Amino acid sequence: MKTAAKLLTVFFCLSFIMLAYQSAASSPDKKEAVKERWEHYATDEDDTGYFFNSDTIKHLKGKLVRVWVRAFYSEKNLKYREAKFQWEIDCTKKKMRGLKATAKKKDGTSAIITESSDWSVVPSGSTAETLYEKMCGKKSTKTP
């Protein structure tokens, strides 16, 4: 199901690219993520590293959690170097949506979105599920 999480991330990236404007930008490295209190929580099958910023975690009423996440793409991703997403997670319904995002491309341009995506179910076995578990303080129940 890691593919489902990747598809969710790709869908979100593509949706904001259509609405985004481009500007010149420099690309941060993984060391910067460590300095800014970004904590690694997952790596997918394409070696993309996912980090959340513990300083940005906000617990809202109704079991909602907001957090900023960064993805550092490997050389396997031909288009992007890094992306930063603000996710909102519904711990009760096991759903999430993107609120804001920026992506830095390998060609030096970047894309920004400020419109929220629709709520989506967190796919089992995905990097999104790992984030859900960390933010909501629970392990998902797996069905055989």
N, C-alpha and C. Protein backbone atom coordinates (compact mmCIF):
# COMPACT_ATOMS: atom_id res chain seq x y z
N MET A 1 0.79 -1.20 0.00
CA MET A 1 0.00 0.00 0.00
C MET A 1 0.84 1.27 0.00
N LYS A 2 2.19 1.13 0.04
CA LYS A 2 3.03 2.32 -0.03
C LYS A 2 2.79 3.05 -1.34
N THR A 3 2.40 2.32 -2.36
CA THR A 3 2.11 2.93 -3.64
C THR A 3 0.92 3.88 -3.51
N ALA A 4 -0.06 3.52 -2.71
CA ALA A 4 -1.24 4.37 -2.52
C ALA A 4 -0.84 5.69 -1.87
N ALA A 5 0.05 5.65 -0.90
CA ALA A 5 0.51 6.88 -0.25
C ALA A 5 1.30 7.73 -1.24
N LYS A 6 2.11 7.07 -2.05
CA LYS A 6 2.88 7.81 -3.04
C LYS A 6 1.93 8.46 -4.04
N LEU A 7 0.91 7.74 -4.45
CA LEU A 7 -0.07 8.29 -5.38
C LEU A 7 -0.80 9.47 -4.76
N LEU A 8 -1.13 9.37 -3.46
CA LEU A 8 -1.78 10.47 -2.76
C LEU A 8 -0.87 11.70 -2.76
N THR A 9 0.41 11.48 -2.48
CA THR A 9 1.37 12.58 -2.48
C THR A 9 1.55 13.16 -3.87
N VAL A 10 1.68 12.29 -4.87
CA VAL A 10 1.84 12.75 -6.25
C VAL A 10 0.60 13.52 -6.70
N PHE A 11 -0.58 13.02 -6.36
CA PHE A 11 -1.81 13.69 -6.72
C PHE A 11 -1.85 15.09 -6.11
N PHE A 12 -1.49 15.18 -4.84
CA PHE A 12 -1.49 16.47 -4.17
C PHE A 12 -0.48 17.41 -4.83
N CYS A 13 0.70 16.89 -5.13
CA CYS A 13 1.72 17.71 -5.80
C CYS A 13 1.23 18.20 -7.16
N LEU A 14 0.66 17.29 -7.93
CA LEU A 14 0.19 17.67 -9.26
C LEU A 14 -0.96 18.66 -9.19
N SER A 15 -1.83 18.51 -8.20
CA SER A 15 -2.95 19.44 -8.10
C SER A 15 -2.48 20.85 -7.79
N PHE A 16 -1.45 21.00 -6.96
CA PHE A 16 -1.00 22.36 -6.69
C PHE A 16 -0.12 22.91 -7.78
N ILE A 17 0.52 22.06 -8.55
CA ILE A 17 1.34 22.55 -9.66
C ILE A 17 0.46 23.23 -10.70
N MET A 18 -0.72 22.69 -10.93
CA MET A 18 -1.63 23.30 -11.90
C MET A 18 -2.07 24.69 -11.44
N LEU A 19 -2.13 24.91 -10.12
CA LEU A 19 -2.58 26.19 -9.60
C LEU A 19 -1.43 27.12 -9.22
N ALA A 20 -0.23 26.63 -9.33
CA ALA A 20 0.92 27.34 -8.75
C ALA A 20 1.59 28.29 -9.73
N TYR A 21 2.36 29.17 -9.15
CA TYR A 21 3.25 29.99 -9.95
C TYR A 21 4.67 29.53 -9.69
N GLN A 22 5.57 29.88 -10.59
CA GLN A 22 6.94 29.42 -10.47
C GLN A 22 7.85 30.60 -10.16
N SER A 23 8.88 30.33 -9.36
CA SER A 23 9.89 31.34 -9.08
C SER A 23 11.22 30.65 -8.82
N ALA A 24 12.28 31.40 -8.93
CA ALA A 24 13.61 30.82 -8.68
C ALA A 24 13.74 30.52 -7.21
N ALA A 25 14.40 29.40 -6.89
CA ALA A 25 14.58 29.01 -5.50
C ALA A 25 15.82 28.15 -5.38
N SER A 26 16.41 28.19 -4.21
CA SER A 26 17.54 27.30 -3.94
C SER A 26 17.01 26.08 -3.21
N SER A 27 17.77 25.00 -3.23
CA SER A 27 17.32 23.76 -2.64
C SER A 27 18.04 23.48 -1.32
N PRO A 28 17.29 23.31 -0.21
CA PRO A 28 17.93 22.97 1.05
C PRO A 28 18.36 21.51 1.04
N ASP A 29 19.20 21.13 1.96
CA ASP A 29 19.61 19.74 2.02
C ASP A 29 19.07 19.09 3.30
N LYS A 30 19.33 17.78 3.43
CA LYS A 30 18.80 17.03 4.56
C LYS A 30 19.37 17.50 5.89
N LYS A 31 20.59 18.03 5.89
CA LYS A 31 21.19 18.54 7.13
C LYS A 31 20.38 19.70 7.68
N GLU A 32 19.83 20.54 6.81
CA GLU A 32 19.00 21.65 7.24
C GLU A 32 17.76 21.15 7.97
N ALA A 33 17.20 20.04 7.51
CA ALA A 33 16.02 19.48 8.16
C ALA A 33 16.32 19.09 9.60
N VAL A 34 17.50 18.57 9.85
CA VAL A 34 17.88 18.17 11.21
C VAL A 34 18.03 19.40 12.09
N LYS A 35 18.67 20.47 11.59
CA LYS A 35 18.87 21.69 12.36
C LYS A 35 17.55 22.32 12.77
N GLU A 36 16.55 22.24 11.93
CA GLU A 36 15.27 22.88 12.19
C GLU A 36 14.30 21.99 12.96
N ARG A 37 14.80 20.95 13.60
CA ARG A 37 13.99 20.03 14.40
C ARG A 37 13.01 19.21 13.57
N TRP A 38 13.41 18.88 12.38
CA TRP A 38 12.62 17.99 11.54
C TRP A 38 13.02 16.57 11.92
N GLU A 39 12.03 15.73 12.18
CA GLU A 39 12.28 14.36 12.62
C GLU A 39 11.88 13.38 11.52
N HIS A 40 12.81 12.49 11.18
CA HIS A 40 12.55 11.49 10.15
C HIS A 40 11.49 10.51 10.67
N TYR A 41 10.50 10.21 9.81
CA TYR A 41 9.50 9.22 10.21
C TYR A 41 9.31 8.11 9.19
N ALA A 42 9.77 8.30 7.96
CA ALA A 42 9.58 7.24 6.97
C ALA A 42 10.47 7.46 5.75
N THR A 43 10.74 6.37 5.06
CA THR A 43 11.39 6.38 3.76
C THR A 43 10.61 5.42 2.88
N ASP A 44 10.26 5.86 1.67
CA ASP A 44 9.48 4.97 0.81
C ASP A 44 10.38 4.13 -0.09
N GLU A 45 9.77 3.32 -0.96
CA GLU A 45 10.52 2.40 -1.80
C GLU A 45 11.38 3.11 -2.85
N ASP A 46 11.14 4.40 -3.08
CA ASP A 46 11.96 5.18 -4.00
C ASP A 46 13.03 5.98 -3.27
N ASP A 47 13.24 5.67 -1.99
CA ASP A 47 14.23 6.34 -1.15
C ASP A 47 13.91 7.80 -0.87
N THR A 48 12.65 8.19 -0.98
CA THR A 48 12.24 9.53 -0.57
C THR A 48 12.16 9.53 0.95
N GLY A 49 12.81 10.50 1.57
CA GLY A 49 12.80 10.62 3.03
C GLY A 49 11.73 11.60 3.47
N TYR A 50 10.95 11.21 4.49
CA TYR A 50 9.87 12.05 5.01
C TYR A 50 10.18 12.46 6.44
N PHE A 51 9.99 13.76 6.73
CA PHE A 51 10.29 14.33 8.03
C PHE A 51 9.09 15.17 8.48
N PHE A 52 8.84 15.23 9.80
CA PHE A 52 7.84 16.16 10.32
C PHE A 52 8.54 17.11 11.28
N ASN A 53 7.99 18.30 11.41
CA ASN A 53 8.56 19.30 12.30
C ASN A 53 7.77 19.27 13.60
N SER A 54 8.40 18.79 14.66
CA SER A 54 7.72 18.64 15.94
C SER A 54 7.29 19.98 16.52
N ASP A 55 7.96 21.07 16.14
CA ASP A 55 7.57 22.40 16.63
C ASP A 55 6.27 22.89 16.01
N THR A 56 5.83 22.28 14.92
CA THR A 56 4.63 22.77 14.23
C THR A 56 3.38 21.94 14.53
N ILE A 57 3.49 20.92 15.36
CA ILE A 57 2.34 20.07 15.65
C ILE A 57 1.32 20.86 16.46
N LYS A 58 0.10 20.93 15.95
CA LYS A 58 -0.99 21.61 16.65
C LYS A 58 -2.15 20.65 16.80
N HIS A 59 -2.57 20.43 18.04
CA HIS A 59 -3.73 19.59 18.32
C HIS A 59 -4.95 20.50 18.41
N LEU A 60 -5.88 20.29 17.52
CA LEU A 60 -7.09 21.11 17.45
C LEU A 60 -8.25 20.33 18.05
N LYS A 61 -9.35 21.02 18.32
CA LYS A 61 -10.49 20.29 18.88
C LYS A 61 -11.08 19.36 17.83
N GLY A 62 -11.73 18.33 18.29
CA GLY A 62 -12.30 17.35 17.38
C GLY A 62 -11.30 16.31 16.92
N LYS A 63 -10.21 16.13 17.65
CA LYS A 63 -9.17 15.15 17.32
C LYS A 63 -8.49 15.42 15.98
N LEU A 64 -8.33 16.70 15.65
CA LEU A 64 -7.60 17.09 14.45
C LEU A 64 -6.18 17.50 14.84
N VAL A 65 -5.23 17.14 13.98
CA VAL A 65 -3.83 17.50 14.19
C VAL A 65 -3.32 18.14 12.91
N ARG A 66 -2.59 19.26 13.06
CA ARG A 66 -1.92 19.90 11.91
C ARG A 66 -0.43 19.79 12.12
N VAL A 67 0.28 19.52 11.02
CA VAL A 67 1.74 19.38 11.10
C VAL A 67 2.35 19.66 9.73
N TRP A 68 3.57 20.22 9.76
CA TRP A 68 4.33 20.42 8.53
C TRP A 68 5.21 19.21 8.29
N VAL A 69 5.25 18.76 7.05
CA VAL A 69 6.03 17.59 6.64
C VAL A 69 6.91 18.00 5.46
N ARG A 70 8.10 17.44 5.44
CA ARG A 70 9.02 17.66 4.32
C ARG A 70 9.35 16.34 3.68
N ALA A 71 9.44 16.35 2.37
CA ALA A 71 9.87 15.18 1.60
C ALA A 71 11.12 15.55 0.84
N PHE A 72 12.17 14.76 1.01
CA PHE A 72 13.41 14.94 0.25
C PHE A 72 13.47 13.79 -0.75
N TYR A 73 13.30 14.13 -2.03
CA TYR A 73 13.22 13.13 -3.07
C TYR A 73 14.61 12.63 -3.47
N SER A 74 14.69 11.37 -3.80
CA SER A 74 15.96 10.77 -4.24
C SER A 74 16.18 11.10 -5.72
N GLU A 75 17.28 10.64 -6.22
CA GLU A 75 17.60 10.84 -7.64
C GLU A 75 16.59 10.12 -8.55
N LYS A 76 15.86 9.16 -8.01
CA LYS A 76 14.86 8.44 -8.80
C LYS A 76 13.74 9.36 -9.26
N ASN A 77 13.48 10.42 -8.49
CA ASN A 77 12.46 11.38 -8.89
C ASN A 77 13.11 12.39 -9.83
N LEU A 78 12.70 12.39 -11.06
CA LEU A 78 13.34 13.22 -12.08
C LEU A 78 12.91 14.68 -12.04
N LYS A 79 11.82 14.99 -11.34
CA LYS A 79 11.28 16.35 -11.38
C LYS A 79 11.53 17.17 -10.11
N TYR A 80 11.41 16.54 -8.94
CA TYR A 80 11.44 17.29 -7.68
C TYR A 80 12.66 16.98 -6.83
N ARG A 81 13.10 17.99 -6.08
CA ARG A 81 14.16 17.82 -5.07
C ARG A 81 13.57 17.68 -3.69
N GLU A 82 12.60 18.56 -3.41
CA GLU A 82 12.06 18.63 -2.06
C GLU A 82 10.67 19.22 -2.09
N ALA A 83 9.83 18.84 -1.13
CA ALA A 83 8.51 19.44 -1.00
C ALA A 83 8.19 19.60 0.48
N LYS A 84 7.38 20.57 0.77
CA LYS A 84 6.96 20.84 2.15
C LYS A 84 5.43 20.95 2.14
N PHE A 85 4.78 20.19 3.00
CA PHE A 85 3.32 20.12 3.04
C PHE A 85 2.82 20.43 4.45
N GLN A 86 1.73 21.13 4.55
CA GLN A 86 1.04 21.22 5.84
C GLN A 86 -0.16 20.28 5.75
N TRP A 87 -0.13 19.24 6.57
CA TRP A 87 -1.19 18.24 6.59
C TRP A 87 -2.11 18.48 7.78
N GLU A 88 -3.36 18.17 7.58
CA GLU A 88 -4.34 18.12 8.67
C GLU A 88 -4.83 16.69 8.74
N ILE A 89 -4.74 16.11 9.92
CA ILE A 89 -5.08 14.70 10.11
C ILE A 89 -6.27 14.60 11.06
N ASP A 90 -7.26 13.84 10.66
CA ASP A 90 -8.42 13.55 11.52
C ASP A 90 -8.15 12.21 12.18
N CYS A 91 -7.77 12.25 13.45
CA CYS A 91 -7.38 11.04 14.17
C CYS A 91 -8.56 10.10 14.40
N THR A 92 -9.77 10.60 14.45
CA THR A 92 -10.95 9.78 14.68
C THR A 92 -11.36 9.01 13.42
N LYS A 93 -11.33 9.69 12.28
CA LYS A 93 -11.79 9.10 11.02
C LYS A 93 -10.66 8.49 10.18
N LYS A 94 -9.40 8.66 10.63
CA LYS A 94 -8.23 8.18 9.90
C LYS A 94 -8.23 8.73 8.47
N LYS A 95 -8.36 10.06 8.39
CA LYS A 95 -8.33 10.76 7.12
C LYS A 95 -7.33 11.91 7.22
N MET A 96 -6.88 12.38 6.05
CA MET A 96 -5.99 13.53 6.03
C MET A 96 -6.21 14.35 4.77
N ARG A 97 -5.76 15.61 4.84
CA ARG A 97 -5.83 16.49 3.68
C ARG A 97 -4.66 17.46 3.73
N GLY A 98 -4.26 17.91 2.57
CA GLY A 98 -3.21 18.91 2.47
C GLY A 98 -3.81 20.29 2.57
N LEU A 99 -3.16 21.16 3.37
CA LEU A 99 -3.65 22.53 3.52
C LEU A 99 -2.84 23.51 2.67
N LYS A 100 -1.53 23.34 2.68
CA LYS A 100 -0.61 24.20 1.92
C LYS A 100 0.56 23.34 1.47
N ALA A 101 1.24 23.80 0.42
CA ALA A 101 2.40 23.05 -0.03
C ALA A 101 3.31 23.93 -0.87
N THR A 102 4.59 23.57 -0.85
CA THR A 102 5.58 24.14 -1.77
C THR A 102 6.43 22.99 -2.27
N ALA A 103 6.86 23.10 -3.50
CA ALA A 103 7.74 22.07 -4.06
C ALA A 103 8.88 22.76 -4.78
N LYS A 104 10.07 22.24 -4.58
CA LYS A 104 11.25 22.75 -5.27
C LYS A 104 11.66 21.72 -6.31
N LYS A 105 11.74 22.20 -7.53
CA LYS A 105 12.05 21.33 -8.66
C LYS A 105 13.55 21.28 -8.92
N LYS A 106 13.96 20.27 -9.63
CA LYS A 106 15.37 20.11 -9.97
C LYS A 106 15.85 21.18 -10.94
N ASP A 107 14.93 21.82 -11.65
CA ASP A 107 15.34 22.88 -12.58
C ASP A 107 15.51 24.23 -11.88
N GLY A 108 15.34 24.27 -10.55
CA GLY A 108 15.53 25.49 -9.79
C GLY A 108 14.28 26.31 -9.56
N THR A 109 13.17 25.93 -10.16
CA THR A 109 11.91 26.65 -9.94
C THR A 109 11.15 26.02 -8.79
N SER A 110 10.12 26.71 -8.34
CA SER A 110 9.30 26.14 -7.27
C SER A 110 7.83 26.40 -7.57
N ALA A 111 6.98 25.66 -6.89
CA ALA A 111 5.54 25.78 -7.04
C ALA A 111 4.93 25.89 -5.65
N ILE A 112 3.87 26.68 -5.54
CA ILE A 112 3.22 26.91 -4.25
C ILE A 112 1.71 26.73 -4.41
N ILE A 113 1.08 26.14 -3.41
CA ILE A 113 -0.38 26.05 -3.39
C ILE A 113 -0.86 26.49 -2.01
N THR A 114 -1.96 27.18 -1.99
CA THR A 114 -2.54 27.63 -0.72
C THR A 114 -3.98 27.14 -0.55
N GLU A 115 -4.47 26.34 -1.49
CA GLU A 115 -5.82 25.79 -1.39
C GLU A 115 -5.78 24.38 -0.84
N SER A 116 -6.70 24.07 0.06
CA SER A 116 -6.75 22.74 0.67
C SER A 116 -7.23 21.68 -0.31
N SER A 117 -6.70 20.47 -0.13
CA SER A 117 -7.18 19.33 -0.90
C SER A 117 -8.39 18.73 -0.18
N ASP A 118 -9.05 17.79 -0.82
CA ASP A 118 -10.16 17.08 -0.19
C ASP A 118 -9.62 16.09 0.83
N TRP A 119 -10.46 15.71 1.78
CA TRP A 119 -10.08 14.68 2.76
C TRP A 119 -9.95 13.34 2.05
N SER A 120 -8.92 12.58 2.42
CA SER A 120 -8.69 11.24 1.86
C SER A 120 -8.42 10.27 2.99
N VAL A 121 -8.85 9.03 2.80
CA VAL A 121 -8.57 7.98 3.78
C VAL A 121 -7.07 7.71 3.77
N VAL A 122 -6.48 7.53 4.95
CA VAL A 122 -5.06 7.22 5.06
C VAL A 122 -4.86 5.77 4.63
N PRO A 123 -4.08 5.51 3.58
CA PRO A 123 -3.89 4.14 3.10
C PRO A 123 -3.08 3.29 4.08
N SER A 124 -3.51 2.07 4.30
CA SER A 124 -2.80 1.13 5.18
C SER A 124 -1.43 0.81 4.61
N GLY A 125 -0.44 0.71 5.48
CA GLY A 125 0.91 0.34 5.09
C GLY A 125 1.68 1.43 4.37
N SER A 126 1.19 2.66 4.41
CA SER A 126 1.80 3.76 3.68
C SER A 126 2.63 4.66 4.60
N THR A 127 3.42 5.54 4.00
CA THR A 127 4.13 6.54 4.78
C THR A 127 3.13 7.49 5.44
N ALA A 128 2.00 7.72 4.80
CA ALA A 128 0.94 8.54 5.40
C ALA A 128 0.41 7.88 6.67
N GLU A 129 0.31 6.55 6.67
CA GLU A 129 -0.16 5.85 7.86
C GLU A 129 0.87 5.98 9.00
N THR A 130 2.14 5.94 8.65
CA THR A 130 3.18 6.13 9.67
C THR A 130 3.05 7.50 10.30
N LEU A 131 2.81 8.54 9.49
CA LEU A 131 2.60 9.88 10.02
C LEU A 131 1.36 9.92 10.90
N TYR A 132 0.27 9.33 10.44
CA TYR A 132 -0.97 9.25 11.22
C TYR A 132 -0.70 8.64 12.60
N GLU A 133 0.01 7.54 12.63
CA GLU A 133 0.31 6.85 13.89
C GLU A 133 1.13 7.75 14.82
N LYS A 134 2.11 8.46 14.28
CA LYS A 134 2.94 9.35 15.09
C LYS A 134 2.13 10.53 15.62
N MET A 135 1.32 11.13 14.79
CA MET A 135 0.57 12.32 15.18
C MET A 135 -0.62 12.01 16.08
N CYS A 136 -1.22 10.84 15.88
CA CYS A 136 -2.43 10.50 16.63
C CYS A 136 -2.13 9.60 17.82
N GLY A 137 -0.88 9.18 17.96
CA GLY A 137 -0.48 8.39 19.12
C GLY A 137 -1.10 7.02 19.17
N LYS A 138 -1.29 6.41 18.02
CA LYS A 138 -1.86 5.07 18.02
C LYS A 138 -1.34 4.26 16.85
N LYS A 139 -1.34 2.98 17.04
CA LYS A 139 -1.03 2.04 15.96
C LYS A 139 -2.32 1.70 15.26
N SER A 140 -2.26 1.60 13.96
CA SER A 140 -3.44 1.22 13.20
C SER A 140 -3.74 -0.24 13.43
N THR A 141 -5.02 -0.57 13.40
CA THR A 141 -5.39 -1.98 13.51
C THR A 141 -5.36 -2.58 12.12
N LYS A 142 -4.64 -3.63 11.98
CA LYS A 142 -4.50 -4.30 10.69
C LYS A 142 -5.46 -5.48 10.63
N THR A 143 -6.12 -5.62 9.51
CA THR A 143 -6.98 -6.78 9.32
C THR A 143 -6.27 -7.77 8.42
N PRO A 144 -6.32 -9.06 8.76
CA PRO A 144 -5.61 -10.06 7.95
C PRO A 144 -6.18 -10.22 6.57
